[in-house]
Amino acid sequence: MPDFGRVIFMLSVVVVVHVMFSKKMALASSGATIPLHLNAKRNCTYAITVKTTCIKGADTTNHVSIRFGDSNSNDIFVHRLNSKHVKRLDPLEPQVLDDVPTKPFQACTIDQFEHKSHCVDSPVCYLYLKLTGQDDWRPGFAQVRVLEGPHLSSDYFYFRRYLPRNVWHGMDVCDTDVTPFGLKYKKKLFS
């Protein structure tokens, strides 16, 4: 009789494993994605869009770094954004201008970069740029899109001024305080 109980137990384990595997396969075959918070070791692909303003002298050949993240301290850092250049976008039409290889950060252009790193848990809410070199550069805006989770993408971060050199410059809208004088944004300090 003990063998019969052991057989029943083994059959129930097999049935449970089969049901779990079938649900996982059905989820995968339906095209649904597993929520990012259930897979912490997963990497995400970030599409970073940067517009350079149209003012004469707004372009740069210097190295540009970017740092962005979410309110849960998931910090993503790209040391040389220039090396991640994927394509140039037409500012008036949603088409890609890939016919000629180009340098990023030319005046009056929108460039797109791609970077893979660990996933953020909540929407991207801070973004900082750092210009290293001797040129001046005047970005118009920057945006980060999370390709695996569009709900985690950022809003636009507007700059529209020349960036100081060798200093992180940007905005953090993660933690804001309401004061009698308006919203007060907390700044992050990076070394």
Foldseek 3Di string as FASTA:
>chain_A
DVVVVVVVVVVVVVVVVVVVVVVVVVCVVVVHDDDLVVPQQDKWKKKKKWFFAQDPQQFDPFFKKKWWAALVPPIDIDRGQQVQWDFKADPVDRDTDPPDDDGPRDHGTMTIGMDMDGDGPAAIFWMWMATADDGKHAIAWMWMATVVDRRNTDDIWGGRDIDDHPAIDGFGPRDWDQDPVGIDGDDDDDD
